[in-house]
């Protein structure tokens, strides 16, 4: 009997210890280790290192893809202007398509919902690149060089992978940023997804972004929190709408969005899971070295500590820039108010345009018989040229129409708005 009593007593003690170990830590109780990095690497991160953050395990790309493709939804948080981030997205999409041929879709922050018909036409092969850029108004809506996203979108079109527009309309975002939700018009309220403004981690992150900027007051912070919530909730809702639709119910979805929409899970992933509890995995990038000619724009922000890892997998790569364009024309211009062409405002000295004889005030009408009706026409045409190419530029000068030959030589460093 004594033995039985002692065994029962030991069982009770073990049970108590088990319950104590599993209980929620009390306020102020020290936390063992770093929740964001529970198993720190024992060496400095190098380009190519892939870390499974929950375990601190270094893995190969194939091992990472074997794991993440188990999930219904894979999120990749990108640095918008880093080509390395976009290669990671493309490699992830390829891994998903190879494992589930014809059963994958691509969701993109870069497109708002009203652009969905254009994306459908692109995937169907009905638009070439220039027509797609025009129809989507790419440079008006996203304003990033299309070269960052070209390979990803070309692969989607090649494999007929549906591309899903995730984001909110810009007019609605502006309205939500400027005034509280209750002050929106009935039409604006009807466009809103279910909005959860109570996430403490999102608020802490947003406030930290604004902390070093004295010009932003409380109203500006609250407005940005509303806008950030609208972006995250809309993208989550768009993803779930697709996954539960007739065309998407049997597919896996890759979501590409900025790192702040994915990191730590409180942006899109948590809000999508609230709507559709389904397996998901997150991948993020970490720039360990800068390898670009232009100095990157850095924000001096000290983010708060969060109680979880930032991503399931962290890929270490360089902060790269796009290859410099081989040639430039060397003019600054604006569309003619009458829609007849492009008016030259500035000719860069010693540029290809200057050597060809282009002058300030010239009205550019066509290049190689292709009409120049809007800025994209000229920008796109020049991007197709290489060193040594020749083009015929039709222009009007003081009422006289003439053709001049442009010989493209190496261009100077690119500047915004100048082809």
Protein backbone atom coordinates (compact mmCIF):
# COMPACT_ATOMS: atom_id res chain seq x y z
CA UNK A 1 0.00 0.00 0.00
CA UNK A 2 2.86 2.33 0.80
CA UNK A 3 4.32 1.78 -2.65
CA UNK A 4 1.00 2.56 -4.32
CA UNK A 5 0.59 5.72 -2.25
CA UNK A 6 4.05 6.91 -3.20
CA UNK A 7 3.40 6.25 -6.89
CA UNK A 8 0.17 8.21 -6.68
CA UNK A 9 1.98 11.04 -4.94
CA UNK A 10 4.69 11.10 -7.65
CA UNK A 11 2.01 11.11 -10.35
CA UNK A 12 0.33 14.08 -8.70
CA UNK A 13 3.64 15.97 -8.55
CA UNK A 14 4.40 15.20 -12.19
CA UNK A 15 0.90 16.33 -13.16
CA UNK A 16 1.39 19.59 -11.28
CA UNK A 17 4.76 20.14 -12.97
CA UNK A 18 3.23 19.45 -16.36
CA UNK A 19 0.42 21.93 -15.81
CA UNK A 20 2.90 24.52 -14.56
CA UNK A 21 5.15 24.08 -17.60
CA UNK A 22 2.21 24.53 -19.98
CA UNK A 23 0.64 27.49 -18.24
CA UNK A 24 0.73 31.00 -19.64
CA UNK A 25 3.74 33.02 -18.36
CA UNK A 26 2.81 35.59 -15.75
CA UNK A 27 3.17 39.28 -16.52
CA UNK A 28 6.74 40.38 -15.90
CA UNK A 29 8.09 36.84 -15.89
CA UNK A 30 11.39 36.62 -17.83
CA UNK A 31 11.17 35.00 -21.25
CA UNK A 32 13.74 32.35 -22.02
CA UNK A 33 15.62 33.22 -25.20
CA UNK A 34 14.52 35.50 -28.05
CA UNK A 35 11.03 34.71 -29.41
CA UNK A 36 11.99 36.22 -32.78
CA UNK A 37 15.16 34.13 -32.99
CA UNK A 38 14.85 31.19 -30.61
CA UNK A 39 17.79 29.28 -32.10
CA UNK A 40 20.42 31.84 -33.19
CA UNK A 41 22.93 30.86 -35.84
CA UNK A 42 26.42 30.23 -34.57
CA UNK A 43 27.98 32.10 -37.50
CA UNK A 44 27.38 35.29 -39.46
CA UNK A 45 24.74 34.91 -42.16
CA UNK A 46 26.08 34.58 -45.69
CA UNK A 47 24.48 35.04 -49.08
CA UNK A 48 22.61 31.84 -49.92
CA UNK A 49 21.99 30.79 -46.32
CA UNK A 50 18.37 29.71 -45.76
CA UNK A 51 17.30 29.44 -42.15
CA UNK A 52 14.23 27.74 -40.78
CA UNK A 53 13.69 30.30 -38.03
CA UNK A 54 11.54 28.21 -35.65
CA UNK A 55 14.35 25.64 -35.32
CA UNK A 56 17.45 27.55 -36.41
CA UNK A 57 18.17 24.86 -39.01
CA UNK A 58 20.06 25.69 -42.19
CA UNK A 59 18.34 24.13 -45.22
CA UNK A 60 18.85 23.94 -48.97
CA UNK A 61 16.47 25.66 -51.41
CA UNK A 62 14.98 22.28 -52.33
CA UNK A 63 14.39 21.41 -48.68
CA UNK A 64 12.66 24.74 -48.14
CA UNK A 65 10.45 24.23 -51.18
CA UNK A 66 9.63 20.68 -50.13
CA UNK A 67 8.27 22.10 -46.87
CA UNK A 68 6.46 25.23 -48.04
CA UNK A 69 4.74 23.54 -50.98
CA UNK A 70 2.92 21.32 -48.48
CA UNK A 71 0.88 24.43 -47.61
CA UNK A 72 -2.26 25.65 -49.37
CA UNK A 73 -0.97 29.23 -49.31
CA UNK A 74 2.65 30.38 -49.53
CA UNK A 75 3.51 34.00 -48.73
CA UNK A 76 6.73 35.66 -49.90
CA UNK A 77 7.51 39.04 -48.36
CA UNK A 78 9.55 41.07 -50.82
CA UNK A 79 11.77 44.12 -50.95
CA UNK A 80 10.10 45.79 -53.92
CA UNK A 81 13.29 47.10 -55.56
CA UNK A 82 15.54 44.07 -55.05
CA UNK A 83 15.82 41.68 -58.02
CA UNK A 84 17.00 38.95 -55.62
CA UNK A 85 13.60 39.04 -53.91
CA UNK A 86 11.84 38.60 -57.22
CA UNK A 87 14.02 35.64 -58.20
CA UNK A 88 13.00 34.04 -54.92
CA UNK A 89 9.33 34.58 -55.83
CA UNK A 90 9.84 33.07 -59.27
CA UNK A 91 11.71 30.06 -57.86
CA UNK A 92 8.89 29.52 -55.36
CA UNK A 93 6.24 29.71 -58.07
CA UNK A 94 8.20 27.24 -60.20
CA UNK A 95 8.49 24.82 -57.27
CA UNK A 96 4.74 24.99 -56.66
CA UNK A 97 3.90 24.54 -60.34
CA UNK A 98 6.27 21.58 -60.66
CA UNK A 99 4.67 19.86 -57.68
CA UNK A 100 1.06 20.74 -58.62
CA UNK A 101 0.97 21.25 -62.42
CA UNK A 102 -2.01 23.31 -63.47
CA UNK A 103 -3.17 23.71 -59.86
CA UNK A 104 -1.37 26.92 -58.83
CA UNK A 105 -2.31 30.60 -58.83
CA UNK A 106 -0.34 33.78 -58.17
CA UNK A 107 -1.74 36.59 -56.01
CA UNK A 108 -0.05 39.99 -56.30
CA UNK A 109 -0.15 43.11 -54.15
CA UNK A 110 0.87 45.13 -57.21
CA UNK A 111 -2.58 45.02 -58.82
CA UNK A 112 -5.93 46.36 -57.62
CA UNK A 113 -9.11 44.39 -58.13
CA UNK A 114 -10.38 46.46 -61.06
CA UNK A 115 -7.32 45.33 -63.05
CA UNK A 116 -8.37 41.67 -62.95
CA UNK A 117 -9.73 41.60 -66.54
CA UNK A 118 -6.37 42.87 -67.82
CA UNK A 119 -4.53 40.16 -65.87
CA UNK A 120 -6.87 37.54 -67.31
CA UNK A 121 -6.11 38.75 -70.84
CA UNK A 122 -2.37 38.68 -70.11
CA UNK A 123 -2.45 35.09 -68.86
CA UNK A 124 -4.57 34.09 -71.86
CA UNK A 125 -1.88 35.46 -74.19
CA UNK A 126 -4.09 38.18 -75.63
CA UNK A 127 -1.72 41.05 -74.74
CA UNK A 128 1.93 41.56 -75.55
CA UNK A 129 4.11 43.30 -72.98
CA UNK A 130 3.59 46.84 -74.24
CA UNK A 131 -0.18 46.39 -74.53
CA UNK A 132 -0.25 44.93 -71.02
CA UNK A 133 1.69 47.86 -69.58
CA UNK A 134 -0.72 50.28 -71.22
CA UNK A 135 -3.90 48.42 -70.31
CA UNK A 136 -2.83 47.95 -66.68
CA UNK A 137 -1.45 51.50 -66.46
CA UNK A 138 1.51 49.86 -64.75
CA UNK A 139 3.65 52.97 -64.28
CA UNK A 140 0.71 55.02 -63.01
CA UNK A 141 -0.53 52.41 -60.54
CA UNK A 142 2.60 50.71 -59.20
CA UNK A 143 5.39 53.06 -60.34
CA UNK A 144 8.13 50.41 -60.09
CA UNK A 145 10.23 49.38 -63.07
CA UNK A 146 8.42 46.52 -64.78
CA UNK A 147 11.76 44.75 -65.13
CA UNK A 148 11.50 43.70 -61.48
CA UNK A 149 8.34 41.68 -62.19
CA UNK A 150 8.72 40.74 -65.87
CA UNK A 151 10.11 37.22 -65.40
CA UNK A 152 7.48 36.33 -62.80
CA UNK A 153 4.61 37.49 -65.00
CA UNK A 154 6.08 35.94 -68.14
CA UNK A 155 6.32 32.58 -66.37
CA UNK A 156 2.71 32.89 -65.21
CA UNK A 157 1.62 33.55 -68.80
CA UNK A 158 3.77 30.72 -70.18
CA UNK A 159 2.25 28.19 -67.75
CA UNK A 160 -1.24 29.75 -67.85
CA UNK A 161 -1.08 30.35 -64.09
CA UNK A 162 -3.95 32.64 -63.02
CA UNK A 163 -2.76 35.96 -61.63
CA UNK A 164 -5.06 37.37 -58.95
CA UNK A 165 -5.29 41.11 -58.28
CA UNK A 166 -5.29 41.42 -54.48
CA UNK A 167 -5.16 45.07 -53.55
CA UNK A 168 -7.66 47.81 -52.72
CA UNK A 169 -8.54 50.61 -55.11
CA UNK A 170 -6.35 53.68 -54.62
CA UNK A 171 -9.32 56.05 -54.28
CA UNK A 172 -10.69 53.98 -51.40
CA UNK A 173 -7.30 53.84 -49.69
CA UNK A 174 -7.02 57.61 -49.90
CA UNK A 175 -10.49 58.09 -48.43
CA UNK A 176 -9.77 55.67 -45.57
CA UNK A 177 -6.48 57.39 -44.84
CA UNK A 178 -8.11 60.82 -44.67
CA UNK A 179 -11.13 60.15 -42.46
CA UNK A 180 -12.53 57.64 -39.93
CA UNK A 181 -14.55 54.74 -41.31
CA UNK A 182 -17.81 56.06 -39.92
CA UNK A 183 -17.40 59.23 -41.99
CA UNK A 184 -17.08 57.40 -45.32
CA UNK A 185 -19.88 57.62 -47.87
CA UNK A 186 -22.29 54.67 -48.15
CA UNK A 187 -20.67 53.78 -51.47
CA UNK A 188 -17.20 53.73 -49.89
CA UNK A 189 -18.39 51.70 -46.91
CA UNK A 190 -19.86 49.13 -49.29
CA UNK A 191 -16.37 48.54 -50.74
CA UNK A 192 -14.75 47.86 -47.37
CA UNK A 193 -13.74 44.36 -46.36
CA UNK A 194 -14.26 43.26 -42.77
CA UNK A 195 -11.87 45.55 -40.89
CA UNK A 196 -10.09 44.52 -37.68
CA UNK A 197 -8.28 47.60 -36.35
CA UNK A 198 -7.47 46.05 -32.99
CA UNK A 199 -4.24 44.18 -33.78
CA UNK A 200 -1.67 45.46 -31.24
CA UNK A 201 1.33 44.30 -33.25
CA UNK A 202 0.28 46.11 -36.40
CA UNK A 203 -0.32 49.27 -34.35
CA UNK A 204 3.07 48.99 -32.67
CA UNK A 205 4.81 48.51 -36.01
CA UNK A 206 3.02 51.47 -37.59
CA UNK A 207 3.73 53.76 -34.67
CA UNK A 208 7.40 52.80 -34.76
CA UNK A 209 7.58 53.72 -38.45
CA UNK A 210 6.26 57.19 -37.65
CA UNK A 211 8.16 57.66 -34.39
CA UNK A 212 11.14 59.43 -35.93
CA UNK A 213 9.08 61.81 -38.04
CA UNK A 214 7.90 64.81 -36.05
CA UNK A 215 5.72 66.06 -38.90
CA UNK A 216 3.31 63.15 -38.45
CA UNK A 217 0.73 63.70 -35.73
CA UNK A 218 -1.75 61.31 -34.14
CA UNK A 219 -4.31 61.83 -36.93
CA UNK A 220 -1.72 60.88 -39.56
CA UNK A 221 -0.75 57.76 -37.61
CA UNK A 222 -4.37 56.70 -37.20
CA UNK A 223 -4.97 57.32 -40.90
CA UNK A 224 -2.03 55.19 -41.89
CA UNK A 225 -3.13 52.40 -39.54
CA UNK A 226 -6.52 52.44 -41.25
CA UNK A 227 -4.87 52.36 -44.69
CA UNK A 228 -2.50 49.56 -43.67
CA UNK A 229 -5.44 47.58 -42.31
CA UNK A 230 -7.40 48.18 -45.50
CA UNK A 231 -4.52 46.88 -47.61
CA UNK A 232 -4.03 43.79 -45.46
CA UNK A 233 -7.74 43.00 -45.09
CA UNK A 234 -8.46 43.54 -48.79
CA UNK A 235 -5.57 41.34 -49.90
CA UNK A 236 -6.60 38.65 -47.41
CA UNK A 237 -10.21 38.84 -48.59
CA UNK A 238 -9.16 38.73 -52.26
CA UNK A 239 -6.99 35.67 -51.66
CA UNK A 240 -9.76 33.83 -49.82
CA UNK A 241 -12.38 34.79 -52.41
CA UNK A 242 -10.22 33.19 -55.05
CA UNK A 243 -9.41 30.07 -53.03
CA UNK A 244 -13.09 29.46 -52.32
CA UNK A 245 -14.27 30.25 -55.85
CA UNK A 246 -15.12 27.65 -58.48
CA UNK A 247 -11.89 28.37 -60.37
CA UNK A 248 -9.66 28.46 -57.29
CA UNK A 249 -11.05 25.85 -54.90
CA UNK A 250 -8.63 23.15 -56.07
CA UNK A 251 -5.57 25.40 -56.42
CA UNK A 252 -2.59 26.41 -54.27
CA UNK A 253 -1.84 30.12 -54.03
CA UNK A 254 1.44 32.01 -53.94
CA UNK A 255 1.01 35.52 -52.50
CA UNK A 256 3.73 38.09 -53.19
CA UNK A 257 3.61 41.32 -51.21
CA UNK A 258 5.86 43.71 -49.34
CA UNK A 259 7.60 42.28 -46.30
CA UNK A 260 5.56 44.40 -43.85
CA UNK A 261 2.37 42.75 -45.16
CA UNK A 262 3.72 39.25 -44.44
CA UNK A 263 6.35 39.42 -41.69
CA UNK A 264 5.33 38.09 -38.25
CA UNK A 265 2.03 36.95 -39.73
CA UNK A 266 -0.20 39.77 -38.47
CA UNK A 267 -0.69 41.36 -41.89
CA UNK A 268 -2.20 39.25 -44.65
CA UNK A 269 -1.62 35.70 -43.26
CA UNK A 270 -3.55 36.09 -39.99
CA UNK A 271 -6.41 37.95 -41.68
CA UNK A 272 -6.67 35.34 -44.44
CA UNK A 273 -6.61 32.52 -41.88
CA UNK A 274 -9.44 34.22 -39.97
CA UNK A 275 -11.55 33.93 -43.10
CA UNK A 276 -10.33 30.52 -44.25
CA UNK A 277 -8.37 28.34 -41.79
CA UNK A 278 -5.93 26.64 -44.14
CA UNK A 279 -2.28 25.68 -44.00
CA UNK A 280 0.21 28.37 -44.94
CA UNK A 281 3.95 29.06 -44.92
CA UNK A 282 5.91 32.31 -45.04
CA UNK A 283 9.23 33.17 -46.67
CA UNK A 284 11.16 36.39 -46.17
CA UNK A 285 14.42 37.86 -47.31
CA UNK A 286 17.33 39.43 -45.47
CA UNK A 287 19.83 41.67 -47.28
CA UNK A 288 23.25 40.89 -45.82
CA UNK A 289 25.22 43.08 -48.22
CA UNK A 290 24.47 45.96 -50.63
CA UNK A 291 25.49 45.36 -54.25
CA UNK A 292 23.92 48.15 -56.25
CA UNK A 293 25.26 51.30 -57.83
CA UNK A 294 22.58 53.62 -56.45
CA UNK A 295 22.34 54.11 -52.71
CA UNK A 296 19.24 52.36 -51.34
CA UNK A 297 16.66 54.39 -49.46
CA UNK A 298 16.86 53.30 -45.84
CA UNK A 299 14.40 54.07 -43.04
CA UNK A 300 15.80 54.78 -39.58
CA UNK A 301 13.18 52.76 -37.72
CA UNK A 302 13.52 50.75 -34.54
CA UNK A 303 10.72 48.19 -34.66
CA UNK A 304 9.32 46.71 -31.46
CA UNK A 305 10.05 43.19 -30.33
CA UNK A 306 7.44 40.68 -31.44
CA UNK A 307 6.60 37.38 -29.72
CA UNK A 308 7.20 35.21 -32.77
CA UNK A 309 9.62 34.59 -35.61
CA UNK A 310 9.33 36.92 -38.57
CA UNK A 311 9.01 34.17 -41.19
CA UNK A 312 9.09 30.39 -41.35
CA UNK A 313 12.10 30.59 -43.66
CA UNK A 314 14.56 33.47 -44.01
CA UNK A 315 16.62 33.64 -47.20
CA UNK A 316 19.83 35.66 -47.06
CA UNK A 317 20.72 37.49 -50.26
CA UNK A 318 22.32 40.68 -51.55
CA UNK A 319 20.54 43.98 -52.02
CA UNK A 320 20.94 44.29 -55.77
CA UNK A 321 19.98 46.82 -58.41
CA UNK A 322 18.65 46.32 -61.90
CA UNK A 323 21.25 46.17 -64.66
CA UNK A 324 21.87 49.64 -66.02
CA UNK A 325 20.14 50.23 -69.36
CA UNK A 326 22.46 49.86 -72.30
CA UNK A 327 21.24 52.98 -74.06
CA UNK A 328 19.21 56.09 -73.38
CA UNK A 329 17.80 58.69 -75.73
CA UNK A 330 18.62 61.61 -73.45
CA UNK A 331 15.49 63.78 -73.38
CA UNK A 332 12.94 64.89 -70.84
CA UNK A 333 9.45 65.41 -72.19
CA UNK A 334 5.73 65.65 -71.53
CA UNK A 335 2.69 64.63 -73.57
CA UNK A 336 1.40 67.26 -75.98
CA UNK A 337 -1.88 68.77 -74.59
CA UNK A 338 -3.50 68.15 -77.98
CA UNK A 339 -2.47 64.50 -77.97
CA UNK A 340 -0.29 64.79 -81.07
CA UNK A 341 2.96 63.48 -79.59
CA UNK A 342 5.56 64.23 -76.93
CA UNK A 343 7.02 67.70 -76.35
CA UNK A 344 10.77 67.80 -75.58
CA UNK A 345 11.50 69.95 -72.52
CA UNK A 346 15.21 69.15 -72.12
CA UNK A 347 17.92 67.61 -74.26
CA UNK A 348 20.80 66.17 -72.24
CA UNK A 349 24.17 67.45 -73.54
CA UNK A 350 26.30 64.84 -75.32
CA UNK A 351 23.38 62.38 -75.32
CA UNK A 352 22.18 60.28 -78.24
CA UNK A 353 19.35 62.76 -78.82
CA UNK A 354 21.76 65.69 -78.78
CA UNK A 355 24.09 64.03 -81.28
CA UNK A 356 21.12 63.29 -83.55
CA UNK A 357 20.05 66.94 -83.51
CA UNK A 358 16.94 66.80 -81.30
CA UNK A 359 16.15 70.25 -79.88
CA UNK A 360 14.15 71.61 -76.98
CA UNK A 361 10.57 72.30 -78.13
CA UNK A 362 10.55 69.54 -80.76
CA UNK A 363 7.33 67.52 -80.97
CA UNK A 364 8.22 63.82 -81.18
CA UNK A 365 5.66 62.06 -83.39
CA UNK A 366 6.98 58.53 -84.02
CA UNK A 367 9.95 56.21 -83.60
CA UNK A 368 10.53 53.62 -86.31
CA UNK A 369 7.01 54.34 -87.62
CA UNK A 370 5.44 53.59 -84.22
CA UNK A 371 3.34 56.58 -83.07
CA UNK A 372 4.38 58.29 -79.83
CA UNK A 373 1.07 59.14 -78.18
CA UNK A 374 1.99 58.77 -74.52
CA UNK A 375 5.09 58.56 -72.37
CA UNK A 376 5.15 54.76 -72.32
CA UNK A 377 5.43 54.64 -76.12
CA UNK A 378 8.84 56.34 -76.06
CA UNK A 379 10.08 54.74 -72.83
CA UNK A 380 9.22 51.25 -74.06
CA UNK A 381 10.70 51.83 -77.53
CA UNK A 382 14.05 52.99 -76.12
CA UNK A 383 14.19 50.05 -73.69
CA UNK A 384 14.21 47.69 -76.68
CA UNK A 385 17.36 49.28 -78.15
CA UNK A 386 20.96 48.15 -77.74
CA UNK A 387 24.33 49.73 -78.32
CA UNK A 388 24.86 50.16 -82.07
CA UNK A 389 21.15 50.13 -82.99
CA UNK A 390 19.74 52.87 -85.21
CA UNK A 391 16.26 54.38 -85.19
CA UNK A 392 14.34 56.88 -87.24
CA UNK A 393 12.72 59.57 -85.14
CA UNK A 394 9.88 61.54 -86.75
CA UNK A 395 9.42 64.99 -85.22
CA UNK A 396 7.85 68.35 -85.87
CA UNK A 397 9.82 71.58 -85.43
CA UNK A 398 8.18 74.97 -85.96
CA UNK A 399 5.54 73.40 -88.16
CA UNK A 400 7.97 71.36 -90.27
CA UNK A 401 7.89 67.56 -90.06
CA UNK A 402 11.24 65.81 -90.47
CA UNK A 403 12.94 62.44 -89.96
CA UNK A 404 16.26 62.20 -88.15
CA UNK A 405 18.44 59.18 -87.50
CA UNK A 406 19.45 58.28 -83.96
CA UNK A 407 22.49 56.07 -83.40
CA UNK A 408 22.38 54.55 -79.93
CA UNK A 409 25.59 54.55 -77.97
CA UNK A 410 26.12 53.69 -74.31
CA UNK A 411 23.87 55.79 -72.08
CA UNK A 412 24.60 57.61 -68.88
CA UNK A 413 23.15 56.49 -65.53
CA UNK A 414 19.36 56.33 -65.74
CA UNK A 415 17.27 59.06 -64.19
CA UNK A 416 13.56 58.98 -63.41
CA UNK A 417 11.36 60.15 -66.27
CA UNK A 418 14.16 60.26 -68.84
CA UNK A 419 14.44 57.62 -71.58
